[in-house]
C-alpha atoms as a PDB file:
ATOM      1  CA  MET A   1       4.367  -1.167   1.638  1.00  0.00           C
ATOM      2  CA  GLN A   2       5.681  -2.045  -1.813  1.00  0.00           C
ATOM      3  CA  LEU A   3       4.018  -5.420  -2.473  1.00  0.00           C
ATOM      4  CA  ALA A   4       0.311  -6.221  -2.373  1.00  0.00           C
ATOM      5  CA  GLN A   5      -2.082  -8.753  -3.904  1.00  0.00           C
ATOM      6  CA  THR A   6      -4.828  -8.496  -6.485  1.00  0.00           C
ATOM      7  CA  PRO A   7      -8.224 -10.076  -5.693  1.00  0.00           C
ATOM      8  CA  GLU A   8      -7.099 -13.034  -7.839  1.00  0.00           C
ATOM      9  CA  GLY A   9      -4.061 -13.573  -5.566  1.00  0.00           C
ATOM     10  CA  LYS A  10      -1.331 -12.272  -7.903  1.00  0.00           C
ATOM     11  CA  LYS A  11       1.426 -10.153  -6.358  1.00  0.00           C
ATOM     12  CA  VAL A  12       1.558  -6.549  -7.553  1.00  0.00           C
ATOM     13  CA  THR A  13       4.246  -3.914  -6.959  1.00  0.00           C
ATOM     14  CA  ALA A  14       3.399  -0.280  -6.217  1.00  0.00           C
ATOM     15  CA  THR A  15       4.124   1.563  -9.477  1.00  0.00           C
ATOM     16  CA  ALA A  16       2.452   4.273 -11.537  1.00  0.00           C
ATOM     17  CA  ASP A  17       0.591   1.712 -13.657  1.00  0.00           C
ATOM     18  CA  ALA A  18      -0.541  -0.508 -10.743  1.00  0.00           C
ATOM     19  CA  PRO A  19      -4.270  -0.848  -9.951  1.00  0.00           C
ATOM     20  CA  LYS A  20      -5.677   1.781  -7.590  1.00  0.00           C
ATOM     21  CA  GLU A  21      -6.823  -0.797  -5.014  1.00  0.00           C
ATOM     22  CA  ALA A  22      -5.324  -4.064  -3.767  1.00  0.00           C
ATOM     23  CA  ILE A  23      -5.353  -6.466  -0.807  1.00  0.00           C
ATOM     24  CA  CYS A  24      -2.830  -6.622   2.049  1.00  0.00           C
ATOM     25  CA  PRO A  25      -0.906  -9.922   1.988  1.00  0.00           C
ATOM     26  CA  HIS A  26      -0.539  -9.825   5.804  1.00  0.00           C
ATOM     27  CA  CYS A  27      -4.086  -9.199   7.025  1.00  0.00           C
ATOM     28  CA  GLY A  28      -6.324  -9.286   3.935  1.00  0.00           C
ATOM     29  CA  GLY A  29      -7.365  -5.645   4.381  1.00  0.00           C
ATOM     30  CA  LYS A  30      -8.095  -3.168   1.612  1.00  0.00           C
ATOM     31  CA  LEU A  31      -5.155  -1.060   0.346  1.00  0.00           C
ATOM     32  CA  THR A  32      -5.059   2.039  -1.820  1.00  0.00           C
ATOM     33  CA  LEU A  33      -2.221   3.160  -4.061  1.00  0.00           C
ATOM     34  CA  ARG A  34      -0.593   6.391  -2.881  1.00  0.00           C
ATOM     35  CA  SER A  35       2.319   8.484  -4.118  1.00  0.00           C
ATOM     36  CA  ARG A  36       4.564  11.268  -2.930  1.00  0.00           C
ATOM     37  CA  LYS A  37       7.354  13.287  -4.496  1.00  0.00           C
ATOM     38  CA  ALA A  38      10.869  13.273  -3.124  1.00  0.00           C
ATOM     39  CA  MET A  39      12.027  16.779  -2.331  1.00  0.00           C
ATOM     40  CA  ASN A  40      15.540  16.339  -3.674  1.00  0.00           C
ATOM     41  CA  THR A  41      14.730  14.634  -7.006  1.00  0.00           C
ATOM     42  CA  CYS A  42      11.050  15.536  -7.548  1.00  0.00           C
ATOM     43  CA  GLU A  43      10.401  11.944  -8.660  1.00  0.00           C
ATOM     44  CA  ALA A  44       7.209  10.247  -7.530  1.00  0.00           C
ATOM     45  CA  SER A  45       7.496   7.192  -5.306  1.00  0.00           C
ATOM     46  CA  TYR A  46       4.506   4.853  -5.055  1.00  0.00           C
ATOM     47  CA  PHE A  47       3.387   2.761  -2.081  1.00  0.00           C
ATOM     48  CA  TRP A  48       0.362   0.860  -0.778  1.00  0.00           C
ATOM     49  CA  ARG A  49      -1.480   2.117   2.298  1.00  0.00           C
ATOM     50  CA  HIS A  50      -4.309   0.619   4.337  1.00  0.00           C
ATOM     51  CA  CYS A  51      -7.633   2.421   3.984  1.00  0.00           C
ATOM     52  CA  SER A  52      -8.467   4.761   6.839  1.00  0.00           C
ATOM     53  CA  ASN A  53      -9.065   3.028  10.166  1.00  0.00           C
ATOM     54  CA  GLN A  54      -9.098  -0.480   8.674  1.00  0.00           C
ATOM     55  CA  ASN A  55      -7.017  -3.296  10.163  1.00  0.00           C
ATOM     56  CA  ARG A  56      -5.230  -1.001  12.585  1.00  0.00           C
ATOM     57  CA  HIS A  57      -3.305  -3.887  14.169  1.00  0.00           C
ATOM     58  CA  CYS A  58      -1.824  -5.293  10.942  1.00  0.00           C
ATOM     59  CA  SER A  59       1.870  -6.162  11.250  1.00  0.00           C
ATOM     60  CA  ALA A  60       2.602  -4.391   7.936  1.00  0.00           C
ATOM     61  CA  ARG A  61       1.736  -0.954   9.317  1.00  0.00           C
ATOM     62  CA  HIS A  62       4.803   1.108  10.200  1.00  0.00           C
ATOM     63  CA  ARG A  63       3.307   3.489  12.729  1.00  0.00           C
ATOM     64  CA  PRO A  64       2.243   2.458  16.231  1.00  0.00           C
ATOM     65  CA  VAL A  65      -1.474   2.091  16.876  1.00  0.00           C
ATOM     66  CA  ALA A  66      -2.861   4.359  19.602  1.00  0.00           C
END
């Protein structure tokens, strides 16, 4: 997920200088800022991810819930 919200309700994009925690705009759950490096360019890409086992049925999750 690229867009999240701050506790004040402002939208924030997942970048290197974004806050480490945010709120999901879909379900209100807690998100953490994550990053990974692309294998072909070695550049970091940033994204928001739900905290472990929280809001497993949120529509913003990309993987199916077991």
